[in-house]
Amino acid sequence: MLNISNLAKKPALIISIIISVLLPVLALYSPLLFKGLGISKEIQFYISRLAIWVSLLLLFLYSLKIEKQPFLLWKETNFTFPDFAIALFKTFVKLFIAVYITGLLIMLFKVTAESAVLQKALALFKKSYFLLFFTCVTAGITEELIFRGYLLPRLELLFKNKIPAIIISSVLFGLLHIGYGTLLNVIGPIVIGLVFAIQYEKYRNIKILIVCHFLWDLMLLTAKT
């Protein structure tokens, strides 16, 4: 059961949801504050990743001090290592199938566009594999904790239905990537968000999603660099 004593009123839930989306958005665009100051693109990229960690910390403090609730409303399900590995494998396979089907549909409808922002990021990763690894770790941990661990259960409380909660959390996750500048860079994360949200509903274990997200990003970015 969810602990909802301080989240019973819709305004409180709506404010929590807005904050959980606004903080990572501000973090991603934080390098704009340093535009024109002569700071290298690599340093700006590090700043944006570190800012996301700060946004996660602020959201954690908000849940404890303002909401007076656990950050993760859903109690973590304990898995043995073999069961964890099986759940991780199933999640990865479902993610691969979903992304593959989405890719086929994108090819069918000829929705293609090159992201200049992503190409610049890949250029940075080619120069620094530590930055690539740090980016994957950051995305895996912060995005899953914020969009699945924190946001999804609160959306479910708000709508009293898991379907709109899954859809809205996934769309918001996709829109977080709109800065890449192409429709593809929004559609892909929406699909990924749907898979992860469904799996979180099923397993109630955020660590499965964190590891899967990290491995997925690491595999894709390594292949592209």
Foldseek 3Di string as FASTA:
>chain_A
DFDCPLPQDLVSLVVLLVLLLVQLLCLQCVLVVCPPVPDDPLVSLVSSLVSLVVSLVVSQCCCCPPSVGHQFRQDADDDDPVRLVVLLVVLLVVLVVLLVVVVVVCVVVVQDDDQPVVVVVLVVCVVPVVSLLSVLLSCLPSVLSRLQRHQLVSVCSNVVDNVVSQQVSLQSQLVSQCVSPGPVSSVSSSSSSSSSNVSCVVRVHSVSSSVSSSVVSSVVSVVVD
